[in-house]
Every structure is written in C-alpha cells, then in structure tokens.
N, C-alpha and C. Protein backbone atom coordinates (compact mmCIF):
# COMPACT_ATOMS: atom_id res chain seq x y z
N UNK A 1 0.83 -1.20 0.00
CA UNK A 1 0.00 0.00 0.00
C UNK A 1 0.87 1.26 0.00
N UNK A 2 1.95 1.24 0.83
CA UNK A 2 2.86 2.39 0.86
C UNK A 2 3.52 2.59 -0.50
N UNK A 3 3.80 1.49 -1.18
CA UNK A 3 4.44 1.56 -2.49
C UNK A 3 3.54 2.24 -3.52
N UNK A 4 2.26 1.92 -3.50
CA UNK A 4 1.32 2.54 -4.43
C UNK A 4 1.20 4.04 -4.14
N UNK A 5 1.09 4.38 -2.85
CA UNK A 5 0.99 5.79 -2.46
C UNK A 5 2.24 6.55 -2.91
N UNK A 6 3.42 5.96 -2.68
CA UNK A 6 4.67 6.60 -3.08
C UNK A 6 4.72 6.80 -4.59
N UNK A 7 4.30 5.81 -5.37
CA UNK A 7 4.29 5.92 -6.83
C UNK A 7 3.35 7.03 -7.29
N UNK A 8 2.20 7.16 -6.65
CA UNK A 8 1.25 8.22 -7.00
C UNK A 8 1.84 9.60 -6.71
N UNK A 9 2.44 9.75 -5.54
CA UNK A 9 3.06 11.03 -5.18
C UNK A 9 4.19 11.35 -6.16
N UNK A 10 5.00 10.37 -6.49
CA UNK A 10 6.11 10.57 -7.42
C UNK A 10 5.59 10.98 -8.80
N UNK A 11 4.54 10.34 -9.27
CA UNK A 11 3.97 10.67 -10.58
C UNK A 11 3.43 12.10 -10.60
N UNK A 12 2.74 12.50 -9.55
CA UNK A 12 2.21 13.87 -9.46
C UNK A 12 3.36 14.87 -9.43
N UNK A 13 4.39 14.60 -8.65
CA UNK A 13 5.54 15.50 -8.56
C UNK A 13 6.23 15.63 -9.92
N UNK A 14 6.43 14.52 -10.64
CA UNK A 14 7.10 14.57 -11.93
C UNK A 14 6.26 15.34 -12.96
N UNK A 15 4.95 15.18 -12.92
CA UNK A 15 4.08 15.90 -13.83
C UNK A 15 4.13 17.40 -13.57
N UNK A 16 4.12 17.80 -12.30
CA UNK A 16 4.16 19.22 -11.97
C UNK A 16 5.51 19.82 -12.36
N UNK A 17 6.59 19.09 -12.21
CA UNK A 17 7.91 19.59 -12.62
C UNK A 17 7.96 19.77 -14.14
N UNK A 18 7.39 18.84 -14.87
CA UNK A 18 7.38 18.94 -16.32
C UNK A 18 6.59 20.15 -16.77
N UNK A 19 5.45 20.43 -16.15
CA UNK A 19 4.63 21.58 -16.51
C UNK A 19 5.38 22.87 -16.28
N UNK A 20 6.08 22.99 -15.18
CA UNK A 20 6.82 24.21 -14.87
C UNK A 20 7.93 24.44 -15.90
N UNK A 21 8.60 23.38 -16.31
CA UNK A 21 9.68 23.52 -17.29
C UNK A 21 9.15 23.90 -18.66
N UNK A 22 7.93 23.47 -18.99
CA UNK A 22 7.38 23.73 -20.31
C UNK A 22 6.70 25.09 -20.43
N UNK A 23 6.50 25.79 -19.31
CA UNK A 23 5.84 27.09 -19.41
C UNK A 23 6.74 28.07 -20.14
N UNK A 24 6.12 28.95 -20.90
CA UNK A 24 6.84 29.88 -21.75
C UNK A 24 6.81 31.26 -21.11
N UNK A 25 7.93 31.95 -21.20
CA UNK A 25 8.04 33.30 -20.67
C UNK A 25 7.48 34.31 -21.66
N UNK A 26 6.97 35.41 -21.16
CA UNK A 26 6.51 36.50 -22.02
C UNK A 26 7.68 37.10 -22.79
N UNK A 27 8.83 37.18 -22.15
CA UNK A 27 9.99 37.86 -22.74
C UNK A 27 10.99 36.86 -23.31
N UNK A 28 11.77 37.37 -24.28
CA UNK A 28 12.88 36.60 -24.82
C UNK A 28 12.50 35.54 -25.83
N UNK A 29 11.25 35.54 -26.28
CA UNK A 29 10.82 34.59 -27.30
C UNK A 29 10.13 35.35 -28.43
N UNK A 30 10.05 34.73 -29.57
CA UNK A 30 9.35 35.32 -30.72
C UNK A 30 7.91 34.81 -30.70
N UNK A 31 6.96 35.74 -30.58
CA UNK A 31 5.53 35.43 -30.59
C UNK A 31 4.98 35.76 -31.97
N UNK A 32 4.52 34.75 -32.70
CA UNK A 32 3.98 34.92 -34.05
C UNK A 32 2.45 34.95 -33.96
N UNK A 33 1.86 36.00 -34.52
CA UNK A 33 0.41 36.18 -34.43
C UNK A 33 -0.33 35.15 -35.28
N UNK A 34 -1.38 34.60 -34.69
CA UNK A 34 -2.27 33.68 -35.40
C UNK A 34 -3.59 34.36 -35.76
N UNK A 35 -4.07 35.24 -34.87
CA UNK A 35 -5.34 35.92 -35.14
C UNK A 35 -5.34 37.31 -34.50
N UNK A 36 -6.07 38.21 -35.15
CA UNK A 36 -6.29 39.56 -34.65
C UNK A 36 -7.79 39.81 -34.64
N UNK A 37 -8.29 40.22 -33.49
CA UNK A 37 -9.73 40.50 -33.35
C UNK A 37 -10.61 39.35 -33.84
N UNK A 38 -10.19 38.13 -33.51
CA UNK A 38 -10.98 36.95 -33.85
C UNK A 38 -10.86 36.45 -35.27
N UNK A 39 -10.03 37.11 -36.08
CA UNK A 39 -9.87 36.70 -37.48
C UNK A 39 -8.47 36.14 -37.70
N UNK A 40 -8.42 34.96 -38.34
CA UNK A 40 -7.13 34.36 -38.69
C UNK A 40 -6.39 35.28 -39.64
N UNK A 41 -5.08 35.40 -39.46
CA UNK A 41 -4.28 36.26 -40.32
C UNK A 41 -3.96 35.52 -41.61
N UNK A 42 -4.33 36.14 -42.73
CA UNK A 42 -4.03 35.58 -44.05
C UNK A 42 -3.45 36.70 -44.91
N UNK A 43 -2.21 36.52 -45.33
CA UNK A 43 -1.53 37.52 -46.13
C UNK A 43 -1.76 37.28 -47.62
N UNK A 44 -1.80 38.38 -48.37
CA UNK A 44 -1.91 38.31 -49.82
C UNK A 44 -0.59 37.87 -50.44
N UNK A 45 0.52 38.24 -49.78
CA UNK A 45 1.87 37.88 -50.26
C UNK A 45 2.51 36.91 -49.28
N UNK A 46 3.26 35.95 -49.82
CA UNK A 46 4.00 35.03 -48.97
C UNK A 46 5.18 35.72 -48.33
N UNK A 47 5.68 35.15 -47.26
CA UNK A 47 6.87 35.69 -46.60
C UNK A 47 6.57 36.75 -45.57
N UNK A 48 5.32 37.18 -45.44
CA UNK A 48 4.95 38.18 -44.44
C UNK A 48 4.55 37.47 -43.16
N UNK A 49 4.77 38.13 -42.04
CA UNK A 49 4.31 37.62 -40.77
C UNK A 49 4.18 38.76 -39.78
N UNK A 50 3.36 38.55 -38.78
CA UNK A 50 3.22 39.48 -37.68
C UNK A 50 3.82 38.79 -36.46
N UNK A 51 4.82 39.44 -35.86
CA UNK A 51 5.39 38.87 -34.64
C UNK A 51 5.86 39.97 -33.70
N UNK A 52 5.95 39.60 -32.43
CA UNK A 52 6.49 40.51 -31.42
C UNK A 52 7.50 39.76 -30.56
N UNK A 53 8.48 40.50 -30.08
CA UNK A 53 9.44 40.00 -29.11
C UNK A 53 9.59 41.07 -28.04
N UNK A 54 9.49 40.67 -26.79
CA UNK A 54 9.64 41.59 -25.68
C UNK A 54 10.95 41.28 -24.96
N UNK A 55 11.76 42.31 -24.72
CA UNK A 55 13.03 42.16 -24.02
C UNK A 55 12.82 42.52 -22.55
N UNK A 56 13.27 41.67 -21.66
CA UNK A 56 13.03 41.89 -20.23
C UNK A 56 13.91 42.97 -19.62
N UNK A 57 15.16 43.09 -20.05
CA UNK A 57 16.10 44.02 -19.41
C UNK A 57 15.70 45.47 -19.54
N UNK A 58 15.38 45.91 -20.75
CA UNK A 58 15.10 47.33 -20.96
C UNK A 58 13.65 47.59 -21.37
N UNK A 59 12.78 46.59 -21.22
CA UNK A 59 11.35 46.74 -21.48
C UNK A 59 11.05 47.23 -22.90
N UNK A 60 11.83 46.75 -23.86
CA UNK A 60 11.60 47.11 -25.26
C UNK A 60 10.82 46.00 -25.96
N UNK A 61 10.05 46.41 -26.95
CA UNK A 61 9.31 45.48 -27.80
C UNK A 61 9.68 45.80 -29.24
N UNK A 62 9.83 44.78 -30.05
CA UNK A 62 10.11 44.97 -31.46
C UNK A 62 9.49 43.81 -32.24
N UNK A 63 9.43 43.97 -33.54
CA UNK A 63 8.89 42.89 -34.36
C UNK A 63 8.56 43.34 -35.76
N UNK A 64 7.63 42.63 -36.36
CA UNK A 64 7.18 42.92 -37.72
C UNK A 64 5.65 42.91 -37.69
N UNK A 65 5.09 43.90 -38.38
CA UNK A 65 3.63 44.05 -38.42
C UNK A 65 3.06 43.53 -39.73
N UNK A 66 3.76 42.66 -40.37
CA UNK A 66 3.38 42.11 -41.67
C UNK A 66 4.45 42.46 -42.68
N UNK A 67 4.56 43.73 -43.00
CA UNK A 67 5.54 44.23 -43.95
C UNK A 67 6.56 45.12 -43.23
N UNK A 68 6.08 45.99 -42.38
CA UNK A 68 6.93 46.97 -41.70
C UNK A 68 7.42 46.48 -40.36
N UNK A 69 8.65 46.87 -40.04
CA UNK A 69 9.22 46.59 -38.73
C UNK A 69 8.74 47.66 -37.75
N UNK A 70 8.62 47.29 -36.48
CA UNK A 70 8.20 48.24 -35.47
C UNK A 70 9.02 48.08 -34.20
N UNK A 71 8.92 49.07 -33.32
CA UNK A 71 9.65 49.06 -32.06
C UNK A 71 8.90 49.94 -31.07
N UNK A 72 9.18 49.76 -29.80
CA UNK A 72 8.56 50.57 -28.77
C UNK A 72 8.95 50.05 -27.40
N UNK A 73 8.17 50.41 -26.40
CA UNK A 73 8.41 49.96 -25.03
C UNK A 73 7.11 49.37 -24.48
N UNK A 74 7.25 48.61 -23.41
CA UNK A 74 6.07 48.03 -22.77
C UNK A 74 6.21 48.13 -21.27
N UNK A 75 5.08 48.06 -20.60
CA UNK A 75 5.01 47.98 -19.14
C UNK A 75 4.23 46.73 -18.80
N UNK A 76 4.76 45.97 -17.84
CA UNK A 76 4.08 44.77 -17.39
C UNK A 76 4.03 44.76 -15.87
N UNK A 77 2.86 44.47 -15.34
CA UNK A 77 2.68 44.30 -13.91
C UNK A 77 1.77 43.09 -13.73
N UNK A 78 2.35 41.97 -13.36
CA UNK A 78 1.65 40.70 -13.28
C UNK A 78 0.98 40.41 -14.62
N UNK A 79 -0.36 40.36 -14.68
CA UNK A 79 -1.02 40.05 -15.95
C UNK A 79 -1.39 41.29 -16.75
N UNK A 80 -1.09 42.47 -16.24
CA UNK A 80 -1.35 43.70 -16.98
C UNK A 80 -0.21 43.96 -17.95
N UNK A 81 -0.54 44.47 -19.14
CA UNK A 81 0.45 44.73 -20.17
C UNK A 81 -0.01 45.89 -21.03
N UNK A 82 0.87 46.88 -21.21
CA UNK A 82 0.57 48.00 -22.11
C UNK A 82 1.79 48.30 -22.96
N UNK A 83 1.54 48.83 -24.15
CA UNK A 83 2.59 49.21 -25.08
C UNK A 83 2.53 50.72 -25.29
N UNK A 84 3.71 51.35 -25.50
CA UNK A 84 3.75 52.79 -25.77
C UNK A 84 5.01 53.14 -26.55
N UNK A 85 5.08 54.40 -26.99
CA UNK A 85 6.25 54.87 -27.71
C UNK A 85 6.52 54.09 -28.98
N UNK A 86 5.45 53.68 -29.67
CA UNK A 86 5.62 52.83 -30.84
C UNK A 86 6.04 53.63 -32.06
N UNK A 87 6.94 53.04 -32.84
CA UNK A 87 7.39 53.60 -34.11
C UNK A 87 7.50 52.46 -35.11
N UNK A 88 7.48 52.82 -36.40
CA UNK A 88 7.54 51.77 -37.43
C UNK A 88 8.11 52.34 -38.71
N UNK A 89 8.63 51.44 -39.55
CA UNK A 89 9.01 51.84 -40.90
C UNK A 89 7.73 52.14 -41.66
N UNK A 90 7.87 52.74 -42.83
CA UNK A 90 6.68 53.23 -43.55
C UNK A 90 6.58 52.71 -44.99
N UNK A 91 6.87 51.44 -45.21
CA UNK A 91 6.74 50.89 -46.55
C UNK A 91 5.26 50.61 -46.86
N UNK A 92 4.87 50.81 -48.10
CA UNK A 92 3.51 50.48 -48.53
C UNK A 92 3.46 49.01 -48.93
N UNK A 93 2.43 48.33 -48.49
CA UNK A 93 2.32 46.90 -48.72
C UNK A 93 0.87 46.54 -49.04
N UNK A 94 0.65 45.37 -49.66
CA UNK A 94 -0.71 44.97 -49.99
C UNK A 94 -1.55 44.61 -48.76
N UNK A 95 -0.92 44.37 -47.63
CA UNK A 95 -1.64 43.92 -46.43
C UNK A 95 -1.69 45.01 -45.36
N UNK A 96 -1.88 46.25 -45.74
CA UNK A 96 -1.88 47.34 -44.79
C UNK A 96 -3.04 47.24 -43.79
N UNK A 97 -4.14 46.59 -44.19
CA UNK A 97 -5.26 46.43 -43.27
C UNK A 97 -4.86 45.55 -42.07
N UNK A 98 -4.03 44.55 -42.31
CA UNK A 98 -3.53 43.71 -41.21
C UNK A 98 -2.65 44.54 -40.29
N UNK A 99 -1.76 45.34 -40.86
CA UNK A 99 -0.89 46.19 -40.04
C UNK A 99 -1.69 47.18 -39.22
N UNK A 100 -2.68 47.79 -39.83
CA UNK A 100 -3.52 48.75 -39.10
C UNK A 100 -4.21 48.06 -37.93
N UNK A 101 -4.75 46.88 -38.15
CA UNK A 101 -5.40 46.11 -37.08
C UNK A 101 -4.41 45.74 -35.98
N UNK A 102 -3.20 45.34 -36.39
CA UNK A 102 -2.19 44.95 -35.42
C UNK A 102 -1.78 46.12 -34.52
N UNK A 103 -1.53 47.28 -35.12
CA UNK A 103 -1.15 48.44 -34.31
C UNK A 103 -2.28 48.88 -33.38
N UNK A 104 -3.51 48.71 -33.81
CA UNK A 104 -4.66 49.01 -32.95
C UNK A 104 -4.70 48.02 -31.78
N UNK A 105 -4.39 46.76 -32.04
CA UNK A 105 -4.32 45.76 -30.97
C UNK A 105 -3.28 46.17 -29.93
N UNK A 106 -2.09 46.57 -30.37
CA UNK A 106 -1.06 46.99 -29.42
C UNK A 106 -1.53 48.19 -28.60
N UNK A 107 -2.18 49.12 -29.25
CA UNK A 107 -2.69 50.32 -28.56
C UNK A 107 -3.75 49.96 -27.51
N UNK A 108 -4.59 48.96 -27.82
CA UNK A 108 -5.71 48.60 -26.95
C UNK A 108 -5.36 47.57 -25.88
N UNK A 109 -4.19 46.95 -25.95
CA UNK A 109 -3.84 45.88 -25.01
C UNK A 109 -3.79 46.39 -23.58
N UNK A 110 -4.45 45.64 -22.70
CA UNK A 110 -4.47 45.95 -21.26
C UNK A 110 -3.94 44.80 -20.42
N UNK A 111 -4.06 43.56 -20.94
CA UNK A 111 -3.63 42.40 -20.16
C UNK A 111 -3.26 41.25 -21.09
N UNK A 112 -2.66 40.23 -20.50
CA UNK A 112 -2.27 39.06 -21.28
C UNK A 112 -2.42 37.80 -20.44
N UNK A 113 -2.48 36.68 -21.16
CA UNK A 113 -2.49 35.35 -20.56
C UNK A 113 -1.57 34.49 -21.40
N UNK A 114 -0.74 33.69 -20.74
CA UNK A 114 0.05 32.68 -21.45
C UNK A 114 -0.42 31.32 -20.97
N UNK A 115 -0.82 30.50 -21.92
CA UNK A 115 -1.23 29.14 -21.61
C UNK A 115 -0.60 28.23 -22.64
N UNK A 116 0.15 27.25 -22.15
CA UNK A 116 0.94 26.37 -23.01
C UNK A 116 1.87 27.24 -23.85
N UNK A 117 1.77 27.19 -25.16
CA UNK A 117 2.66 28.00 -25.99
C UNK A 117 1.90 29.12 -26.69
N UNK A 118 0.78 29.57 -26.09
CA UNK A 118 -0.05 30.63 -26.67
C UNK A 118 -0.06 31.87 -25.78
N UNK A 119 0.11 33.02 -26.41
CA UNK A 119 -0.01 34.32 -25.76
C UNK A 119 -1.30 34.96 -26.24
N UNK A 120 -2.17 35.31 -25.31
CA UNK A 120 -3.42 35.97 -25.63
C UNK A 120 -3.37 37.38 -25.09
N UNK A 121 -3.60 38.36 -25.97
CA UNK A 121 -3.69 39.76 -25.56
C UNK A 121 -5.16 40.13 -25.45
N UNK A 122 -5.48 40.91 -24.41
CA UNK A 122 -6.86 41.31 -24.17
C UNK A 122 -6.94 42.82 -23.99
N UNK A 123 -8.06 43.40 -24.44
CA UNK A 123 -8.35 44.78 -24.10
C UNK A 123 -9.12 44.75 -22.78
N UNK A 124 -9.90 45.74 -22.49
CA UNK A 124 -10.64 45.77 -21.23
C UNK A 124 -11.65 44.64 -21.10
N UNK A 125 -12.17 44.15 -22.24
CA UNK A 125 -13.26 43.16 -22.20
C UNK A 125 -13.02 41.88 -22.96
N UNK A 126 -12.26 41.93 -24.06
CA UNK A 126 -12.23 40.80 -24.99
C UNK A 126 -10.81 40.40 -25.38
N UNK A 127 -10.72 39.20 -25.93
CA UNK A 127 -9.48 38.74 -26.55
C UNK A 127 -9.32 39.52 -27.85
N UNK A 128 -8.15 40.13 -28.05
CA UNK A 128 -7.94 40.90 -29.28
C UNK A 128 -6.83 40.33 -30.16
N UNK A 129 -6.02 39.42 -29.61
CA UNK A 129 -4.98 38.79 -30.44
C UNK A 129 -4.51 37.50 -29.77
N UNK A 130 -4.13 36.54 -30.63
CA UNK A 130 -3.56 35.28 -30.16
C UNK A 130 -2.26 35.05 -30.92
N UNK A 131 -1.21 34.75 -30.17
CA UNK A 131 0.12 34.48 -30.72
C UNK A 131 0.56 33.09 -30.29
N UNK A 132 1.43 32.51 -31.09
CA UNK A 132 2.04 31.23 -30.75
C UNK A 132 3.54 31.42 -30.69
N UNK A 133 4.17 30.81 -29.69
CA UNK A 133 5.62 30.96 -29.56
C UNK A 133 6.33 30.24 -30.69
N UNK A 134 7.36 30.88 -31.22
CA UNK A 134 8.23 30.22 -32.19
C UNK A 134 9.44 29.76 -31.42
N UNK A 135 9.80 28.53 -31.56
CA UNK A 135 10.81 27.91 -30.71
C UNK A 135 12.23 28.44 -30.90
N UNK A 136 12.55 29.03 -32.03
CA UNK A 136 13.91 29.52 -32.25
C UNK A 136 14.14 30.82 -31.49
N UNK A 137 15.40 31.15 -31.24
CA UNK A 137 15.76 32.39 -30.57
C UNK A 137 15.51 33.57 -31.49
N UNK A 138 14.79 34.60 -31.01
CA UNK A 138 14.52 35.74 -31.88
C UNK A 138 15.76 36.59 -32.12
N UNK A 139 15.79 37.24 -33.27
CA UNK A 139 16.88 38.14 -33.61
C UNK A 139 16.28 39.47 -33.98
N UNK A 140 16.95 40.55 -33.58
CA UNK A 140 16.49 41.88 -33.96
C UNK A 140 16.68 42.04 -35.45
N UNK A 141 15.77 42.76 -36.05
CA UNK A 141 15.87 43.02 -37.49
C UNK A 141 16.45 44.39 -37.74
C-alpha cells in the first residue's frame, strides 16, 4: 500500500515539474500572431508575418507588423500589459489592413495570458490577439 501511495506522489511530482519547465516566458521569445480580433491572419503575399518579441532588461518590444518593422516599449505588472512609444518603418504593402489592425491591438492591449505556448492579448473586455511561440531564438531586425 505504501508503495502505491509513493508511486502516485512521485507521478504527481514529476508531472508538476514537467509543466513548470514547459511554461513559456513573455519575454525573450518570438511570438507569431495567429489571429487579430478573432480573425485568422491571411496575407496576400507570402513571406509576411506578424510577430512581437519583448526584451526583459530594458522593457523594449520589437517585431514585424506584416511588412513593416516596429519598435517601442512596454510595461508589465503581473497580468497587466501596455505598449507605448511605438514607431515603425513606412513601406507600402498589400496587407496594410492587417498592419492597421495589429497596431490598434497593441494600442488597446491591457492584459495578457500565457497558456501552453499561446499568448493571448486582451483589451478591457475581450481577446484581441492570439500568438504562438516560435521555438527559435529571436533576432532583432
């Protein structure tokens, strides 16, 4: 009986350790957008993507809004998250509607949730964007 109890405790402990190791940090990873305002992102041209990377040391955010690169700063307090001081390159692209929606999402973000490998950004009431972590180390562009 003690052996069964010990095996159960060991199994629970190993599962909880595995979950902690698999959790993803908000910072230091490349978050690739899957949807904005409930709509799946579909580009007219191949090779485009929307992604963000947040740096923990200096609270900077950078990424690509589809065609144009962007940068700025963020504030995080537990599950609260806001972006400010945003700037971007100004190339004209066929998917400007996606970029406009993305920048509005950053402006409206108030909080976030990370579950498994998904980052969800929320405004005051609703989910406004869903990102998936990309496993490779991000590089500044």
